[in-house]
Amino acid sequence: MAETKHHKVIIIGSGAAGLTAALYTSRANLDPLVIQGIQPGGQLTITTEVENFPGFPQGIQGPELMDNMHKQAEKFGTKFLYGTVTKINMKKRPFELEVEGKNLTCDALIVASGATARWLNIESEQKLMGHGVSACATCDGFFFKDREIVVIGGGDSAMEEATFLTKFASKVTVVHRRDELRASPIMQEKAFKNPKIDFLWNKQVVEVLGEPDTGVKGVRMKDTATGEESTLECQGVFLAIGHVPNTEIFKGQLDMDDKGYLITEGKTTKTNIPGVFAAGDVQDTIYRQAITAAGSGCMSALNVQDYLEEMEFAEAKEFEEA
């Protein structure tokens, strides 16, 4: 039988939220263990230039920022384990986890497993990711001043992204595979009234044209009604077809909304299970920025400190009364 190793705090996820939580809990002498999944460093590791993270006036590469966060947490004693959580039991104390054959337990758990942007899953999209293809207008819109941009999607997030991008782009074309939008009426009206936004209906992007060293040159599309193909010149492509929170393993234990995002209590990071906290994109359906993820990571660490202190106090009191 595999040995079980106990930790005061385990953090699932190594993005901005998880590493900030690790920094704060390690500085509080809680000896946290960070479990890094299939993408250590989170979504920022596939982002090129980051210009909106405070403290870097010249900008910083996404992977470098996450590497710095990793080193800073490690400096104060954070331990790291590469692997994916395959089993978890939050109904027992201490909490039980299995990470690819390794058995772990902890007194407090921070879930910072993030959310993954939905992609078209075409080869050219992956090749040009970070070179003109993005899933975050707030992160990357600034780089497309006076450029023509394509936004793929038809929901509220697509209309929000398209409207936001008109602050920078000379023209934004929304490409939607249906003949009507799924967005709310107020979001549709806002987009339709914007003179910089055009719409292409019944179109599915099948290829993003360009090379990493020269950037995006356009998109090749197929008409969903006739099958006819066409191309559209552009210098940027933004995916706005939603995000998927990485919460599958927590189903049946942690409360979630209808899209799978973890629900936290009030202005805290507390979940429905005492001792389990959620931070970052796994519970953020609105902002999804590195800085807000880092902020909630800090909050979760402070919540953990309070929780463990309360537990120690309760145990001491129970011992005195025994």
Protein backbone atom coordinates (compact mmCIF):
# COMPACT_ATOMS: atom_id res chain seq x y z
CA MET A 1 0.00 0.00 0.00
CA ALA A 2 1.38 3.42 -0.98
CA GLU A 3 2.56 5.68 1.84
CA THR A 4 0.28 8.60 2.71
CA LYS A 5 1.96 11.97 3.18
CA HIS A 6 0.23 14.70 5.18
CA HIS A 7 0.42 18.46 4.57
CA LYS A 8 -1.19 21.34 6.40
CA VAL A 9 -2.18 22.96 3.10
CA ILE A 10 -2.46 21.58 -0.41
CA ILE A 11 -3.04 23.89 -3.37
CA ILE A 12 -4.40 22.44 -6.59
CA GLY A 13 -3.20 24.55 -9.51
CA SER A 14 -0.07 26.56 -10.28
CA GLY A 15 -1.39 29.61 -12.11
CA ALA A 16 -1.44 33.14 -10.73
CA ALA A 17 -4.02 32.22 -8.06
CA GLY A 18 -2.31 29.04 -6.91
CA LEU A 19 1.20 30.52 -6.77
CA THR A 20 0.04 33.62 -4.91
CA ALA A 21 -1.76 31.40 -2.40
CA ALA A 22 1.46 29.39 -2.09
CA LEU A 23 3.52 32.52 -1.48
CA TYR A 24 1.25 33.72 1.33
CA THR A 25 0.79 30.33 3.01
CA SER A 26 4.51 29.54 2.85
CA ARG A 27 5.36 32.92 4.42
CA ALA A 28 2.87 31.99 7.18
CA ASN A 29 4.94 28.81 7.82
CA LEU A 30 2.15 26.52 6.64
CA ASP A 31 4.48 24.51 4.34
CA PRO A 32 2.09 24.31 1.37
CA LEU A 33 2.28 21.72 -1.38
CA VAL A 34 1.30 22.88 -4.87
CA ILE A 35 0.03 20.22 -7.24
CA GLN A 36 0.86 21.26 -10.79
CA GLY A 37 -1.40 19.83 -13.45
CA ILE A 38 -0.86 19.22 -17.14
CA GLN A 39 -0.11 22.90 -17.73
CA PRO A 40 2.17 24.18 -14.93
CA GLY A 41 1.87 27.94 -14.69
CA GLY A 42 -1.66 28.07 -16.06
CA GLN A 43 -2.90 30.03 -19.04
CA LEU A 44 -0.22 32.70 -18.76
CA THR A 45 2.35 30.19 -19.98
CA ILE A 46 0.74 30.36 -23.43
CA THR A 47 0.60 34.16 -23.39
CA THR A 48 3.41 36.15 -24.96
CA GLU A 49 3.66 39.78 -23.84
CA VAL A 50 1.89 40.71 -20.57
CA GLU A 51 1.62 44.50 -20.23
CA ASN A 52 -1.19 44.86 -17.70
CA PHE A 53 0.34 43.15 -14.66
CA PRO A 54 1.38 45.86 -12.16
CA GLY A 55 5.10 46.33 -11.57
CA PHE A 56 6.34 45.65 -15.09
CA PRO A 57 6.29 48.97 -17.00
CA GLN A 58 8.10 47.42 -19.95
CA GLY A 59 5.87 44.35 -19.96
CA ILE A 60 6.92 40.76 -19.30
CA GLN A 61 6.54 37.46 -21.12
CA GLY A 62 3.82 35.25 -19.64
CA PRO A 63 6.08 32.23 -19.02
CA GLU A 64 8.70 34.46 -17.37
CA LEU A 65 6.11 35.99 -15.04
CA MET A 66 4.91 32.55 -13.95
CA ASP A 67 8.48 31.32 -13.52
CA ASN A 68 9.19 34.31 -11.27
CA MET A 69 6.08 33.55 -9.20
CA HIS A 70 7.13 29.90 -8.92
CA LYS A 71 10.63 30.85 -7.72
CA GLN A 72 9.28 33.36 -5.22
CA ALA A 73 6.92 30.80 -3.66
CA GLU A 74 9.67 28.17 -3.65
CA LYS A 75 12.04 30.62 -1.91
CA PHE A 76 9.74 30.68 1.13
CA GLY A 77 9.38 26.90 1.35
CA THR A 78 6.59 25.91 -1.05
CA LYS A 79 6.95 22.34 -2.31
CA PHE A 80 5.76 21.33 -5.79
CA LEU A 81 4.40 18.06 -7.14
CA TYR A 82 3.92 17.51 -10.87
CA GLY A 83 0.82 15.50 -11.66
CA THR A 84 -2.95 15.50 -11.86
CA VAL A 85 -5.35 14.82 -9.01
CA THR A 86 -7.08 11.57 -9.91
CA LYS A 87 -9.18 11.08 -6.75
CA ILE A 88 -10.31 13.37 -3.97
CA ASN A 89 -12.39 12.87 -0.84
CA MET A 90 -13.48 16.02 0.98
CA LYS A 91 -16.01 14.22 3.15
CA LYS A 92 -13.32 12.92 5.51
CA ARG A 93 -10.90 14.77 7.80
CA PRO A 94 -8.15 15.22 6.90
CA PHE A 95 -8.99 15.57 3.20
CA GLU A 96 -7.70 12.73 1.03
CA LEU A 97 -6.17 13.12 -2.44
CA GLU A 98 -4.57 10.77 -4.89
CA VAL A 99 -2.11 12.20 -7.41
CA GLU A 100 -1.15 9.57 -9.97
CA GLY A 101 -0.62 6.85 -7.41
CA LYS A 102 0.61 9.07 -4.54
CA ASN A 103 -1.66 9.30 -1.50
CA LEU A 104 -1.85 12.69 0.22
CA THR A 105 -3.86 14.23 3.04
CA CYS A 106 -4.26 17.84 4.17
CA ASP A 107 -5.99 19.95 6.79
CA ALA A 108 -6.92 22.72 4.34
CA LEU A 109 -7.32 22.72 0.59
CA ILE A 110 -7.17 25.57 -1.93
CA VAL A 111 -8.67 24.82 -5.34
CA ALA A 112 -7.04 27.03 -7.98
CA SER A 113 -7.37 24.69 -10.94
CA GLY A 114 -8.48 27.46 -13.30
CA ALA A 115 -10.63 27.44 -16.40
CA THR A 116 -9.72 26.58 -19.96
CA ALA A 117 -10.79 28.68 -22.92
CA ARG A 118 -12.77 26.83 -25.57
CA TRP A 119 -10.86 26.59 -28.84
CA LEU A 120 -11.76 25.57 -32.36
CA ASN A 121 -9.22 22.74 -32.14
CA ILE A 122 -7.70 23.34 -35.55
CA GLU A 123 -3.97 23.05 -36.16
CA SER A 124 -3.46 26.60 -37.46
CA GLU A 125 -5.16 28.08 -34.40
CA GLN A 126 -2.75 26.34 -32.06
CA LYS A 127 0.23 27.30 -34.23
CA LEU A 128 -0.69 31.00 -34.12
CA MET A 129 -1.75 31.14 -30.48
CA GLY A 130 0.03 34.16 -29.02
CA HIS A 131 0.96 35.33 -32.52
CA GLY A 132 -2.35 36.95 -33.45
CA VAL A 133 -4.74 34.35 -32.05
CA SER A 134 -6.08 35.02 -28.55
CA ALA A 135 -8.95 34.16 -26.22
CA CYS A 136 -8.67 37.32 -24.09
CA ALA A 137 -9.50 40.73 -25.53
CA THR A 138 -8.71 42.52 -22.27
CA CYS A 139 -5.25 40.91 -22.21
CA ASP A 140 -4.28 41.37 -25.85
CA GLY A 141 -6.54 43.98 -27.44
CA PHE A 142 -3.96 46.75 -27.01
CA PHE A 143 -1.63 45.00 -29.48
CA PHE A 144 -4.14 45.40 -32.32
CA LYS A 145 -4.35 49.18 -32.66
CA ASP A 146 -5.69 50.18 -36.08
CA ARG A 147 -5.85 46.52 -37.18
CA GLU A 148 -8.74 44.51 -38.59
CA ILE A 149 -9.85 41.76 -36.23
CA VAL A 150 -12.14 38.74 -36.34
CA VAL A 151 -14.12 37.68 -33.25
CA ILE A 152 -15.53 34.15 -33.33
CA GLY A 153 -18.70 33.53 -31.31
CA GLY A 154 -22.29 34.62 -30.87
CA GLY A 155 -22.95 34.87 -27.15
CA ASP A 156 -22.65 37.67 -24.60
CA SER A 157 -18.90 37.14 -24.21
CA ALA A 158 -18.41 37.50 -27.98
CA MET A 159 -20.37 40.77 -28.04
CA GLU A 160 -18.43 42.06 -25.04
CA GLU A 161 -15.11 41.14 -26.65
CA ALA A 162 -16.09 42.67 -30.00
CA THR A 163 -17.27 45.91 -28.40
CA PHE A 164 -14.15 46.17 -26.25
CA LEU A 165 -11.86 45.57 -29.23
CA THR A 166 -13.36 48.52 -31.14
CA LYS A 167 -11.40 50.73 -28.72
CA PHE A 168 -8.27 49.60 -30.58
CA ALA A 169 -9.13 47.97 -33.89
CA SER A 170 -10.09 49.80 -37.06
CA LYS A 171 -12.68 47.12 -37.78
CA VAL A 172 -14.09 44.10 -35.95
CA THR A 173 -15.90 41.33 -37.82
CA VAL A 174 -17.97 38.89 -35.78
CA VAL A 175 -18.02 35.47 -37.41
CA HIS A 176 -20.91 33.28 -36.25
CA ARG A 177 -21.85 29.79 -37.41
CA ARG A 178 -25.59 30.48 -37.13
CA ASP A 179 -27.90 33.11 -38.63
CA GLU A 180 -28.73 34.72 -35.30
CA LEU A 181 -26.89 35.52 -32.08
CA ARG A 182 -27.31 33.80 -28.74
CA ALA A 183 -26.37 36.97 -26.88
CA SER A 184 -28.88 38.84 -24.73
CA PRO A 185 -30.96 41.49 -26.54
CA ILE A 186 -29.16 44.39 -24.83
CA MET A 187 -25.74 43.04 -25.80
CA GLN A 188 -26.89 42.47 -29.39
CA GLU A 189 -28.27 45.99 -29.66
CA LYS A 190 -25.02 47.46 -28.37
CA ALA A 191 -22.97 45.52 -30.94
CA PHE A 192 -25.33 46.20 -33.86
CA LYS A 193 -25.19 49.93 -33.18
CA ASN A 194 -21.39 50.04 -33.13
CA PRO A 195 -20.19 51.33 -36.53
CA LYS A 196 -16.91 49.44 -36.23
CA ILE A 197 -18.56 46.00 -35.92
CA ASP A 198 -19.66 43.92 -38.92
CA PHE A 199 -21.22 40.46 -38.91
CA LEU A 200 -20.73 37.38 -41.07
CA TRP A 201 -23.51 34.82 -40.61
CA ASN A 202 -23.49 31.05 -41.16
CA LYS A 203 -19.71 30.97 -41.30
CA GLN A 204 -17.32 28.55 -39.64
CA VAL A 205 -13.61 29.29 -39.47
CA VAL A 206 -11.71 26.25 -40.71
CA GLU A 207 -8.21 27.74 -40.91
CA VAL A 208 -6.32 30.74 -39.57
CA LEU A 209 -3.93 32.02 -42.21
CA GLY A 210 -0.42 33.20 -41.36
CA GLU A 211 2.83 32.14 -39.71
CA PRO A 212 4.17 32.71 -36.17
CA ASP A 213 6.97 35.00 -37.39
CA THR A 214 4.66 37.20 -39.48
CA GLY A 215 1.39 36.90 -37.55
CA VAL A 216 -2.19 36.37 -38.68
CA LYS A 217 -3.04 37.29 -42.27
CA GLY A 218 -6.67 36.17 -42.45
CA VAL A 219 -9.13 33.33 -41.97
CA ARG A 220 -10.56 30.71 -44.30
CA MET A 221 -14.25 30.04 -43.68
CA LYS A 222 -16.89 27.54 -44.75
CA ASP A 223 -20.52 28.52 -45.19
CA THR A 224 -22.54 26.28 -42.84
CA ALA A 225 -25.53 26.36 -45.21
CA THR A 226 -23.93 25.95 -48.65
CA GLY A 227 -20.47 24.57 -47.86
CA GLU A 228 -18.91 27.31 -49.98
CA GLU A 229 -15.48 28.50 -48.82
CA SER A 230 -14.20 32.07 -48.64
CA THR A 231 -11.37 34.03 -47.06
CA LEU A 232 -11.29 37.23 -45.06
CA GLU A 233 -8.20 39.33 -44.47
CA CYS A 234 -7.48 40.28 -40.85
CA GLN A 235 -4.55 40.73 -38.50
CA GLY A 236 -6.02 39.16 -35.39
CA VAL A 237 -8.45 36.42 -34.33
CA PHE A 238 -10.16 36.35 -30.95
CA LEU A 239 -12.00 33.26 -29.73
CA ALA A 240 -15.07 34.07 -27.64
CA ILE A 241 -16.88 30.75 -27.44
CA GLY A 242 -16.67 30.39 -23.68
CA HIS A 243 -14.51 28.87 -20.96
CA VAL A 244 -14.67 25.51 -19.19
CA PRO A 245 -13.78 25.51 -15.47
CA ASN A 246 -11.52 22.64 -14.45
CA THR A 247 -13.88 21.28 -11.82
CA GLU A 248 -14.98 17.86 -13.08
CA ILE A 249 -13.27 16.00 -10.23
CA PHE A 250 -15.08 18.09 -7.59
CA LYS A 251 -18.61 17.29 -8.79
CA GLY A 252 -20.81 15.90 -6.07
CA GLN A 253 -18.65 17.44 -3.34
CA LEU A 254 -18.32 21.17 -4.00
CA ASP A 255 -21.23 23.42 -4.93
CA MET A 256 -21.10 24.72 -8.50
CA ASP A 257 -23.20 26.87 -10.78
CA ASP A 258 -24.82 25.48 -13.93
CA LYS A 259 -21.59 26.01 -15.90
CA GLY A 260 -19.38 24.22 -13.40
CA TYR A 261 -17.79 27.23 -11.69
CA LEU A 262 -17.25 26.79 -7.96
CA ILE A 263 -19.51 28.86 -5.72
CA THR A 264 -17.85 30.81 -2.92
CA GLU A 265 -19.41 32.42 0.13
CA GLY A 266 -19.97 36.17 -0.01
CA LYS A 267 -16.74 38.11 -0.42
CA THR A 268 -14.61 35.20 0.78
CA THR A 269 -13.07 32.22 -1.00
CA LYS A 270 -14.89 29.72 1.24
CA THR A 271 -16.73 26.87 -0.48
CA ASN A 272 -19.60 24.85 0.99
CA ILE A 273 -17.08 22.55 2.72
CA PRO A 274 -15.24 24.10 5.70
CA GLY A 275 -11.51 24.02 5.06
CA VAL A 276 -11.85 24.04 1.27
CA PHE A 277 -11.32 27.33 -0.55
CA ALA A 278 -11.50 28.32 -4.22
CA ALA A 279 -9.45 31.00 -5.96
CA GLY A 280 -8.91 32.34 -9.45
CA ASP A 281 -10.68 31.46 -12.68
CA VAL A 282 -12.18 28.29 -11.21
CA GLN A 283 -14.69 30.53 -9.38
CA ASP A 284 -14.44 33.79 -11.38
CA THR A 285 -17.03 34.04 -14.15
CA ILE A 286 -16.53 37.76 -14.74
CA TYR A 287 -12.98 39.14 -14.67
CA ARG A 288 -10.60 36.26 -15.53
CA GLN A 289 -7.45 38.38 -15.28
CA ALA A 290 -4.06 37.40 -13.89
CA ILE A 291 -4.17 40.19 -11.33
CA THR A 292 -7.65 39.30 -10.06
CA ALA A 293 -6.62 35.64 -9.88
CA ALA A 294 -3.57 36.62 -7.85
CA GLY A 295 -5.77 38.72 -5.58
CA SER A 296 -8.17 35.88 -4.87
CA GLY A 297 -5.17 33.59 -4.31
CA CYS A 298 -4.05 35.98 -1.56
CA MET A 299 -7.59 35.98 -0.13
CA SER A 300 -7.71 32.19 -0.05
CA ALA A 301 -4.39 32.02 1.80
CA LEU A 302 -5.61 34.46 4.44
CA ASN A 303 -8.87 32.50 4.76
CA VAL A 304 -6.81 29.31 5.24
CA GLN A 305 -4.73 30.93 7.98
CA ASP A 306 -7.87 31.97 9.85
CA TYR A 307 -9.42 28.53 9.41
CA LEU A 308 -6.36 26.64 10.71
CA GLU A 309 -6.00 29.00 13.68
CA GLU A 310 -9.66 28.44 14.57
CA MET A 311 -9.18 24.68 14.28
CA GLU A 312 -6.12 24.76 16.54
CA PHE A 313 -7.98 26.88 19.09
CA ALA A 314 -10.97 24.52 19.06
CA GLU A 315 -8.72 21.47 19.48
CA ALA A 316 -6.83 23.10 22.35
CA LYS A 317 -10.07 24.02 24.09
CA GLU A 318 -11.43 20.50 23.63
CA PHE A 319 -8.21 19.06 25.11
CA GLU A 320 -8.44 21.37 28.14
CA GLU A 321 -12.05 20.36 28.78
CA ALA A 322 -11.32 16.65 28.45
